[in-house]
Amino acid sequence: MTSDERPAGTTREIELLWGRRETPRRGPKPKLSRAAVVEAAVAVADAEGLDAVSMQRVARELGFTTMSLYRHVDSKEDLLVFMQDAAMSQHPAGPRDDGDWRAGTEEWCHGALAQYRRHPWAAYVPQSGPPSGPNGLRWMEAGLREIAASGLDAPESLQILLLLTYSLRDLFRMEQDIARAARERGVPLDNEGDEWVRGLRGVLDPEEYPTLLWTLDQGTFAEEPPGYREEDGAMGGLGFAIQRILDGVDAYVRSTGRDRAGD
């Protein structure tokens, strides 16, 4: 295959992540491997964030020259592709014995969130499309399996999975950004919300912002929201949003007569 015939986009990513683009090498086994390069890059990102990852930095961590890395990974962009899939290496939960699709979907969401907590930088890797690697596709398979069990058809199940996936990622990023800003200002994270509320109360006109002030009066930004789980940190309130999305799915499949739970 010539350079002009090389597959582009996600097709190329699939071939990379599934080992279809590796060239067999003759001679003794090399001292460095693609797996070692990816593992070192993940360790750097876990410790210092995604911005700290470069081919030079990873090479230094491994004790090799930067050129040595290019024998295993063509570019930093390719390295990020491998890292993203590696960050999802922990397997999702298997099918539930009771067939409860709602409980299974919630379990999937909390599992996906746990992956981000282990590797926070993964939420900041640019997305070029759906998962292409074995780990990412394993999570996609598990999520679709649970959602489709509700009675939704394939396109509908995929749309709900995308809604949940991007909600988890974007809210996790918001949490991380708020925590980083608090650290940079030297303000304890627990006090960040209180200071924001106090600041707003001093500037908001009740006639122009009545609903926002009502929200503040309800303690929305100070109390643990519905669905809060301590192990989920500041994102615990997402449980309420997930429940309402699943309520919508439940109502829809019942209205169309496709509710599998009632079969």
C-alpha atoms as a PDB file:
ATOM      1  CA  MET A   1       0.000   0.000   0.000  1.00  0.00           C
ATOM      2  CA  THR A   2       1.454   3.357  -1.018  1.00  0.00           C
ATOM      3  CA  SER A   3       1.188   6.527   1.049  1.00  0.00           C
ATOM      4  CA  ASP A   4      -1.503   7.831  -1.336  1.00  0.00           C
ATOM      5  CA  GLU A   5      -3.588   4.694  -0.704  1.00  0.00           C
ATOM      6  CA  ARG A   6      -3.398   4.766   3.101  1.00  0.00           C
ATOM      7  CA  PRO A   7      -6.823   4.689   4.772  1.00  0.00           C
ATOM      8  CA  ALA A   8      -7.851   7.913   6.475  1.00  0.00           C
ATOM      9  CA  GLY A   9      -9.916   8.901   9.475  1.00  0.00           C
ATOM     10  CA  THR A  10     -11.529   6.284  11.626  1.00  0.00           C
ATOM     11  CA  THR A  11     -10.614   3.457   9.237  1.00  0.00           C
ATOM     12  CA  ARG A  12      -6.963   4.168   9.914  1.00  0.00           C
ATOM     13  CA  GLU A  13      -7.643   4.393  13.660  1.00  0.00           C
ATOM     14  CA  ILE A  14      -9.323   0.994  13.603  1.00  0.00           C
ATOM     15  CA  GLU A  15      -6.340  -0.543  11.852  1.00  0.00           C
ATOM     16  CA  LEU A  16      -3.973   1.083  14.334  1.00  0.00           C
ATOM     17  CA  LEU A  17      -5.866   0.035  17.431  1.00  0.00           C
ATOM     18  CA  TRP A  18      -6.484  -3.502  16.247  1.00  0.00           C
ATOM     19  CA  GLY A  19      -2.858  -4.059  15.233  1.00  0.00           C
ATOM     20  CA  ARG A  20      -3.542  -4.195  11.488  1.00  0.00           C
ATOM     21  CA  ARG A  21      -0.871  -1.601  10.671  1.00  0.00           C
ATOM     22  CA  GLU A  22       2.031  -3.120  12.563  1.00  0.00           C
ATOM     23  CA  THR A  23       4.899  -4.249  10.349  1.00  0.00           C
ATOM     24  CA  PRO A  24       6.511  -7.553  11.359  1.00  0.00           C
ATOM     25  CA  ARG A  25      10.164  -7.047  12.273  1.00  0.00           C
ATOM     26  CA  ARG A  26      12.975  -9.508  11.786  1.00  0.00           C
ATOM     27  CA  GLY A  27      15.825 -10.024  14.170  1.00  0.00           C
ATOM     28  CA  PRO A  28      15.954  -9.881  17.966  1.00  0.00           C
ATOM     29  CA  LYS A  29      12.979  -8.612  19.929  1.00  0.00           C
ATOM     30  CA  PRO A  30      13.226  -4.805  20.312  1.00  0.00           C
ATOM     31  CA  LYS A  31      13.818  -3.406  23.795  1.00  0.00           C
ATOM     32  CA  LEU A  32      10.963  -0.949  23.347  1.00  0.00           C
ATOM     33  CA  SER A  33       7.362  -1.718  22.386  1.00  0.00           C
ATOM     34  CA  ARG A  34       4.248   0.219  21.460  1.00  0.00           C
ATOM     35  CA  ALA A  35       2.569  -1.004  24.642  1.00  0.00           C
ATOM     36  CA  ALA A  36       5.427   0.377  26.753  1.00  0.00           C
ATOM     37  CA  VAL A  37       5.241   3.736  24.974  1.00  0.00           C
ATOM     38  CA  VAL A  38       1.485   4.005  25.572  1.00  0.00           C
ATOM     39  CA  GLU A  39       1.820   2.922  29.198  1.00  0.00           C
ATOM     40  CA  ALA A  40       4.467   5.581  29.845  1.00  0.00           C
ATOM     41  CA  ALA A  41       2.366   8.261  28.148  1.00  0.00           C
ATOM     42  CA  VAL A  42      -0.673   7.330  30.253  1.00  0.00           C
ATOM     43  CA  ALA A  43       1.452   7.543  33.411  1.00  0.00           C
ATOM     44  CA  VAL A  44       2.619  11.045  32.480  1.00  0.00           C
ATOM     45  CA  ALA A  45      -0.944  12.160  31.743  1.00  0.00           C
ATOM     46  CA  ASP A  46      -2.243  10.653  34.993  1.00  0.00           C
ATOM     47  CA  ALA A  47       0.391  12.494  37.000  1.00  0.00           C
ATOM     48  CA  GLU A  48       0.558  15.843  35.209  1.00  0.00           C
ATOM     49  CA  GLY A  49      -2.304  16.112  32.738  1.00  0.00           C
ATOM     50  CA  LEU A  50      -2.610  15.820  28.992  1.00  0.00           C
ATOM     51  CA  ASP A  51      -0.579  18.953  28.249  1.00  0.00           C
ATOM     52  CA  ALA A  52       2.489  17.304  29.755  1.00  0.00           C
ATOM     53  CA  VAL A  53       2.458  14.509  27.174  1.00  0.00           C
ATOM     54  CA  SER A  54       4.875  14.854  24.273  1.00  0.00           C
ATOM     55  CA  MET A  55       6.972  12.398  22.334  1.00  0.00           C
ATOM     56  CA  GLN A  56      10.093  13.916  23.890  1.00  0.00           C
ATOM     57  CA  ARG A  57       8.751  13.633  27.432  1.00  0.00           C
ATOM     58  CA  VAL A  58       7.631  10.041  26.997  1.00  0.00           C
ATOM     59  CA  ALA A  59      10.980   9.116  25.480  1.00  0.00           C
ATOM     60  CA  ARG A  60      12.745  10.663  28.453  1.00  0.00           C
ATOM     61  CA  GLU A  61      10.583   8.701  30.879  1.00  0.00           C
ATOM     62  CA  LEU A  62      11.478   5.490  29.081  1.00  0.00           C
ATOM     63  CA  GLY A  63      15.173   6.295  28.773  1.00  0.00           C
ATOM     64  CA  PHE A  64      15.130   6.211  24.965  1.00  0.00           C
ATOM     65  CA  THR A  65      15.626   8.777  22.230  1.00  0.00           C
ATOM     66  CA  THR A  66      12.595  10.446  20.718  1.00  0.00           C
ATOM     67  CA  MET A  67      13.378   8.820  17.369  1.00  0.00           C
ATOM     68  CA  SER A  68      13.103   5.424  19.046  1.00  0.00           C
ATOM     69  CA  LEU A  69       9.443   6.135  19.815  1.00  0.00           C
ATOM     70  CA  TYR A  70       8.663   6.846  16.173  1.00  0.00           C
ATOM     71  CA  ARG A  71       9.496   3.241  15.350  1.00  0.00           C
ATOM     72  CA  HIS A  72       6.393   2.277  17.329  1.00  0.00           C
ATOM     73  CA  VAL A  73       4.087   5.326  17.141  1.00  0.00           C
ATOM     74  CA  ASP A  74       3.980   7.533  14.054  1.00  0.00           C
ATOM     75  CA  SER A  75       2.923  10.769  15.761  1.00  0.00           C
ATOM     76  CA  LYS A  76       1.584  12.328  18.924  1.00  0.00           C
ATOM     77  CA  GLU A  77      -1.876  12.217  17.355  1.00  0.00           C
ATOM     78  CA  ASP A  78      -1.575   8.446  17.039  1.00  0.00           C
ATOM     79  CA  LEU A  79      -0.273   8.260  20.595  1.00  0.00           C
ATOM     80  CA  LEU A  80      -3.415  10.029  21.829  1.00  0.00           C
ATOM     81  CA  VAL A  81      -5.545   7.483  19.967  1.00  0.00           C
ATOM     82  CA  PHE A  82      -3.790   4.641  21.765  1.00  0.00           C
ATOM     83  CA  MET A  83      -3.968   6.444  25.104  1.00  0.00           C
ATOM     84  CA  GLN A  84      -7.700   7.066  24.784  1.00  0.00           C
ATOM     85  CA  ASP A  85      -8.405   3.386  24.272  1.00  0.00           C
ATOM     86  CA  ALA A  86      -5.979   2.387  27.037  1.00  0.00           C
ATOM     87  CA  ALA A  87      -7.841   4.673  29.467  1.00  0.00           C
ATOM     88  CA  MET A  88     -10.910   2.463  29.026  1.00  0.00           C
ATOM     89  CA  SER A  89      -9.138  -0.807  29.720  1.00  0.00           C
ATOM     90  CA  GLN A  90     -11.236  -1.772  32.731  1.00  0.00           C
ATOM     91  CA  HIS A  91     -14.123  -3.925  31.581  1.00  0.00           C
ATOM     92  CA  PRO A  92     -17.709  -2.718  32.033  1.00  0.00           C
ATOM     93  CA  ALA A  93     -20.138  -4.757  34.060  1.00  0.00           C
ATOM     94  CA  GLY A  94     -21.649  -7.762  32.333  1.00  0.00           C
ATOM     95  CA  PRO A  95     -25.338  -8.368  31.645  1.00  0.00           C
ATOM     96  CA  ARG A  96     -27.540  -8.331  34.746  1.00  0.00           C
ATOM     97  CA  ASP A  97     -29.175 -11.567  35.831  1.00  0.00           C
ATOM     98  CA  ASP A  98     -32.463  -9.771  36.489  1.00  0.00           C
ATOM     99  CA  GLY A  99     -32.593  -8.114  33.051  1.00  0.00           C
ATOM    100  CA  ASP A 100     -33.263  -4.678  34.593  1.00  0.00           C
ATOM    101  CA  TRP A 101     -32.204  -2.386  31.756  1.00  0.00           C
ATOM    102  CA  ARG A 102     -32.556   0.790  33.826  1.00  0.00           C
ATOM    103  CA  ALA A 103     -30.357  -0.486  36.631  1.00  0.00           C
ATOM    104  CA  GLY A 104     -27.916  -1.793  34.027  1.00  0.00           C
ATOM    105  CA  THR A 105     -27.772   1.565  32.267  1.00  0.00           C
ATOM    106  CA  GLU A 106     -27.183   3.406  35.535  1.00  0.00           C
ATOM    107  CA  GLU A 107     -24.445   0.930  36.423  1.00  0.00           C
ATOM    108  CA  TRP A 108     -22.859   1.542  33.035  1.00  0.00           C
ATOM    109  CA  CYS A 109     -22.917   5.318  33.606  1.00  0.00           C
ATOM    110  CA  HIS A 110     -21.255   5.050  36.995  1.00  0.00           C
ATOM    111  CA  GLY A 111     -18.663   2.679  35.519  1.00  0.00           C
ATOM    112  CA  ALA A 112     -17.888   5.108  32.705  1.00  0.00           C
ATOM    113  CA  LEU A 113     -17.561   7.932  35.229  1.00  0.00           C
ATOM    114  CA  ALA A 114     -15.150   5.809  37.273  1.00  0.00           C
ATOM    115  CA  GLN A 115     -12.965   5.451  34.168  1.00  0.00           C
ATOM    116  CA  TYR A 116     -12.734   9.220  33.896  1.00  0.00           C
ATOM    117  CA  ARG A 117     -11.845   9.475  37.569  1.00  0.00           C
ATOM    118  CA  ARG A 118      -8.952   7.077  37.074  1.00  0.00           C
ATOM    119  CA  HIS A 119      -7.737   9.005  34.019  1.00  0.00           C
ATOM    120  CA  PRO A 120      -9.160  12.571  34.135  1.00  0.00           C
ATOM    121  CA  TRP A 121      -7.196  13.665  31.058  1.00  0.00           C
ATOM    122  CA  ALA A 122      -9.200  11.235  28.900  1.00  0.00           C
ATOM    123  CA  ALA A 123     -12.152  13.641  28.993  1.00  0.00           C
ATOM    124  CA  TYR A 124      -9.994  16.215  27.172  1.00  0.00           C
ATOM    125  CA  VAL A 125      -8.737  14.084  24.289  1.00  0.00           C
ATOM    126  CA  PRO A 126     -10.223  15.490  21.050  1.00  0.00           C
ATOM    127  CA  GLN A 127     -12.974  13.267  19.671  1.00  0.00           C
ATOM    128  CA  SER A 128     -12.884  12.408  15.967  1.00  0.00           C
ATOM    129  CA  GLY A 129     -15.782   9.967  15.983  1.00  0.00           C
ATOM    130  CA  PRO A 130     -17.132   6.907  17.776  1.00  0.00           C
ATOM    131  CA  PRO A 131     -14.757   4.485  19.538  1.00  0.00           C
ATOM    132  CA  SER A 132     -12.446   2.511  17.272  1.00  0.00           C
ATOM    133  CA  GLY A 133     -10.402   0.376  19.673  1.00  0.00           C
ATOM    134  CA  PRO A 134     -11.260  -2.832  21.496  1.00  0.00           C
ATOM    135  CA  ASN A 135     -11.662  -1.169  24.896  1.00  0.00           C
ATOM    136  CA  GLY A 136     -13.829   1.710  23.711  1.00  0.00           C
ATOM    137  CA  LEU A 137     -15.973  -0.604  21.615  1.00  0.00           C
ATOM    138  CA  ARG A 138     -16.381  -2.944  24.592  1.00  0.00           C
ATOM    139  CA  TRP A 139     -17.914  -0.052  26.562  1.00  0.00           C
ATOM    140  CA  MET A 140     -20.047   0.916  23.589  1.00  0.00           C
ATOM    141  CA  GLU A 141     -21.282  -2.671  23.290  1.00  0.00           C
ATOM    142  CA  ALA A 142     -22.168  -2.805  26.990  1.00  0.00           C
ATOM    143  CA  GLY A 143     -24.011   0.523  26.913  1.00  0.00           C
ATOM    144  CA  LEU A 144     -26.001  -0.365  23.815  1.00  0.00           C
ATOM    145  CA  ARG A 145     -26.827  -3.787  25.284  1.00  0.00           C
ATOM    146  CA  GLU A 146     -28.436  -2.236  28.359  1.00  0.00           C
ATOM    147  CA  ILE A 147     -30.287   0.550  26.547  1.00  0.00           C
ATOM    148  CA  ALA A 148     -31.552  -1.674  23.725  1.00  0.00           C
ATOM    149  CA  ALA A 149     -33.027  -4.021  26.327  1.00  0.00           C
ATOM    150  CA  SER A 150     -35.627  -1.295  26.998  1.00  0.00           C
ATOM    151  CA  GLY A 151     -37.255  -1.897  23.630  1.00  0.00           C
ATOM    152  CA  LEU A 152     -35.674   0.980  21.696  1.00  0.00           C
ATOM    153  CA  ASP A 153     -34.541   0.168  18.181  1.00  0.00           C
ATOM    154  CA  ALA A 154     -30.889   0.432  17.155  1.00  0.00           C
ATOM    155  CA  PRO A 155     -30.818   4.115  16.026  1.00  0.00           C
ATOM    156  CA  GLU A 156     -32.792   5.177  19.099  1.00  0.00           C
ATOM    157  CA  SER A 157     -30.516   3.196  21.425  1.00  0.00           C
ATOM    158  CA  LEU A 158     -27.455   4.813  19.878  1.00  0.00           C
ATOM    159  CA  GLN A 159     -28.882   8.310  20.326  1.00  0.00           C
ATOM    160  CA  ILE A 160     -29.566   7.702  24.017  1.00  0.00           C
ATOM    161  CA  LEU A 161     -26.098   6.222  24.474  1.00  0.00           C
ATOM    162  CA  LEU A 162     -24.533   9.306  22.877  1.00  0.00           C
ATOM    163  CA  LEU A 163     -26.641  11.594  25.079  1.00  0.00           C
ATOM    164  CA  LEU A 164     -25.486   9.798  28.233  1.00  0.00           C
ATOM    165  CA  THR A 165     -21.874   9.551  27.070  1.00  0.00           C
ATOM    166  CA  TYR A 166     -21.469  13.228  26.270  1.00  0.00           C
ATOM    167  CA  SER A 167     -23.378  14.287  29.377  1.00  0.00           C
ATOM    168  CA  LEU A 168     -20.963  12.289  31.525  1.00  0.00           C
ATOM    169  CA  ARG A 169     -17.891  13.611  29.745  1.00  0.00           C
ATOM    170  CA  ASP A 170     -18.908  17.266  29.621  1.00  0.00           C
ATOM    171  CA  LEU A 171     -20.089  17.442  33.231  1.00  0.00           C
ATOM    172  CA  PHE A 172     -16.932  15.698  34.376  1.00  0.00           C
ATOM    173  CA  ARG A 173     -14.883  18.274  32.469  1.00  0.00           C
ATOM    174  CA  MET A 174     -16.860  21.053  34.131  1.00  0.00           C
ATOM    175  CA  GLU A 175     -16.097  19.557  37.533  1.00  0.00           C
ATOM    176  CA  GLN A 176     -12.396  19.326  36.702  1.00  0.00           C
ATOM    177  CA  ASP A 177     -12.275  22.893  35.362  1.00  0.00           C
ATOM    178  CA  ILE A 178     -13.960  24.262  38.492  1.00  0.00           C
ATOM    179  CA  ALA A 179     -11.552  22.357  40.734  1.00  0.00           C
ATOM    180  CA  ARG A 180      -8.555  23.597  38.747  1.00  0.00           C
ATOM    181  CA  ALA A 181      -9.753  27.205  38.900  1.00  0.00           C
ATOM    182  CA  ALA A 182     -10.241  26.908  42.679  1.00  0.00           C
ATOM    183  CA  ARG A 183      -6.696  25.579  43.084  1.00  0.00           C
ATOM    184  CA  GLU A 184      -5.258  28.386  40.977  1.00  0.00           C
ATOM    185  CA  ARG A 185      -7.078  30.978  43.095  1.00  0.00           C
ATOM    186  CA  GLY A 186      -6.073  29.258  46.302  1.00  0.00           C
ATOM    187  CA  VAL A 187      -9.694  28.797  47.356  1.00  0.00           C
ATOM    188  CA  PRO A 188     -10.863  25.506  48.903  1.00  0.00           C
ATOM    189  CA  LEU A 189     -13.243  23.785  46.511  1.00  0.00           C
ATOM    190  CA  ASP A 190     -15.890  23.464  49.250  1.00  0.00           C
ATOM    191  CA  ASN A 191     -15.960  27.265  49.519  1.00  0.00           C
ATOM    192  CA  GLU A 192     -16.038  27.948  45.788  1.00  0.00           C
ATOM    193  CA  GLY A 193     -19.798  27.508  45.407  1.00  0.00           C
ATOM    194  CA  ASP A 194     -20.572  29.508  48.543  1.00  0.00           C
ATOM    195  CA  GLU A 195     -18.480  32.457  47.332  1.00  0.00           C
ATOM    196  CA  TRP A 196     -20.171  32.347  43.932  1.00  0.00           C
ATOM    197  CA  VAL A 197     -23.614  32.413  45.524  1.00  0.00           C
ATOM    198  CA  ARG A 198     -22.681  35.287  47.854  1.00  0.00           C
ATOM    199  CA  GLY A 199     -21.267  37.233  44.921  1.00  0.00           C
ATOM    200  CA  LEU A 200     -24.420  36.786  42.852  1.00  0.00           C
ATOM    201  CA  ARG A 201     -26.695  37.831  45.684  1.00  0.00           C
ATOM    202  CA  GLY A 202     -24.860  41.145  45.776  1.00  0.00           C
ATOM    203  CA  VAL A 203     -25.415  41.963  42.097  1.00  0.00           C
ATOM    204  CA  LEU A 204     -28.606  40.267  40.876  1.00  0.00           C
ATOM    205  CA  ASP A 205     -31.719  42.424  40.458  1.00  0.00           C
ATOM    206  CA  PRO A 206     -34.779  40.434  41.661  1.00  0.00           C
ATOM    207  CA  GLU A 207     -36.889  41.891  38.861  1.00  0.00           C
ATOM    208  CA  GLU A 208     -34.476  40.840  36.104  1.00  0.00           C
ATOM    209  CA  TYR A 209     -33.284  37.525  37.577  1.00  0.00           C
ATOM    210  CA  PRO A 210     -36.181  36.224  39.713  1.00  0.00           C
ATOM    211  CA  THR A 211     -35.830  32.592  38.690  1.00  0.00           C
ATOM    212  CA  LEU A 212     -32.078  32.498  39.241  1.00  0.00           C
ATOM    213  CA  LEU A 213     -32.493  34.005  42.697  1.00  0.00           C
ATOM    214  CA  TRP A 214     -35.246  31.482  43.439  1.00  0.00           C
ATOM    215  CA  THR A 215     -32.766  28.748  42.462  1.00  0.00           C
ATOM    216  CA  LEU A 216     -30.188  30.177  44.859  1.00  0.00           C
ATOM    217  CA  ASP A 217     -32.788  30.408  47.639  1.00  0.00           C
ATOM    218  CA  GLN A 218     -33.551  26.704  47.171  1.00  0.00           C
ATOM    219  CA  GLY A 219     -29.952  25.882  48.120  1.00  0.00           C
ATOM    220  CA  THR A 220     -29.334  24.325  44.722  1.00  0.00           C
ATOM    221  CA  PHE A 221     -25.637  25.167  44.755  1.00  0.00           C
ATOM    222  CA  ALA A 222     -25.034  24.426  48.414  1.00  0.00           C
ATOM    223  CA  GLU A 223     -26.816  21.185  49.156  1.00  0.00           C
ATOM    224  CA  GLU A 224     -26.327  17.671  47.874  1.00  0.00           C
ATOM    225  CA  PRO A 225     -28.662  17.372  44.861  1.00  0.00           C
ATOM    226  CA  PRO A 226     -31.092  14.487  44.254  1.00  0.00           C
ATOM    227  CA  GLY A 227     -29.308  11.314  43.220  1.00  0.00           C
ATOM    228  CA  TYR A 228     -26.085  12.330  44.980  1.00  0.00           C
ATOM    229  CA  ARG A 229     -23.585   9.562  45.640  1.00  0.00           C
ATOM    230  CA  GLU A 230     -20.557  10.458  47.736  1.00  0.00           C
ATOM    231  CA  GLU A 231     -18.208   8.314  45.657  1.00  0.00           C
ATOM    232  CA  ASP A 232     -19.198  10.310  42.559  1.00  0.00           C
ATOM    233  CA  GLY A 233     -17.980  13.584  44.048  1.00  0.00           C
ATOM    234  CA  ALA A 234     -19.398  16.834  42.702  1.00  0.00           C
ATOM    235  CA  MET A 235     -21.091  14.987  39.847  1.00  0.00           C
ATOM    236  CA  GLY A 236     -23.347  12.985  42.118  1.00  0.00           C
ATOM    237  CA  GLY A 237     -26.347  15.069  41.054  1.00  0.00           C
ATOM    238  CA  LEU A 238     -26.061  13.656  37.567  1.00  0.00           C
ATOM    239  CA  GLY A 239     -27.968  10.677  38.915  1.00  0.00           C
ATOM    240  CA  PHE A 240     -31.132  12.787  38.855  1.00  0.00           C
ATOM    241  CA  ALA A 241     -30.598  13.745  35.215  1.00  0.00           C
ATOM    242  CA  ILE A 242     -29.896  10.142  34.235  1.00  0.00           C
ATOM    243  CA  GLN A 243     -33.103   9.027  35.928  1.00  0.00           C
ATOM    244  CA  ARG A 244     -35.141  11.601  34.005  1.00  0.00           C
ATOM    245  CA  ILE A 245     -33.581  10.550  30.687  1.00  0.00           C
ATOM    246  CA  LEU A 246     -34.442   6.945  31.463  1.00  0.00           C
ATOM    247  CA  ASP A 247     -37.952   7.994  32.508  1.00  0.00           C
ATOM    248  CA  GLY A 248     -38.331   9.421  29.014  1.00  0.00           C
ATOM    249  CA  VAL A 249     -37.084   6.203  27.426  1.00  0.00           C
ATOM    250  CA  ASP A 250     -39.455   4.173  29.598  1.00  0.00           C
ATOM    251  CA  ALA A 251     -42.461   6.326  28.736  1.00  0.00           C
ATOM    252  CA  TYR A 252     -41.612   6.265  25.042  1.00  0.00           C
ATOM    253  CA  VAL A 253     -41.246   2.503  24.702  1.00  0.00           C
ATOM    254  CA  ARG A 254     -44.455   1.962  26.654  1.00  0.00           C
ATOM    255  CA  SER A 255     -46.327   4.377  24.402  1.00  0.00           C
ATOM    256  CA  THR A 256     -45.121   2.510  21.318  1.00  0.00           C
ATOM    257  CA  GLY A 257     -45.893  -0.921  22.765  1.00  0.00           C
ATOM    258  CA  ARG A 258     -42.269  -1.987  22.638  1.00  0.00           C
ATOM    259  CA  ASP A 259     -41.667  -2.299  26.377  1.00  0.00           C
ATOM    260  CA  ARG A 260     -39.710  -5.536  26.757  1.00  0.00           C
ATOM    261  CA  ALA A 261     -40.099  -5.483  30.532  1.00  0.00           C
ATOM    262  CA  GLY A 262     -43.777  -6.126  30.052  1.00  0.00           C
ATOM    263  CA  ASP A 263     -43.357  -8.992  27.577  1.00  0.00           C
END
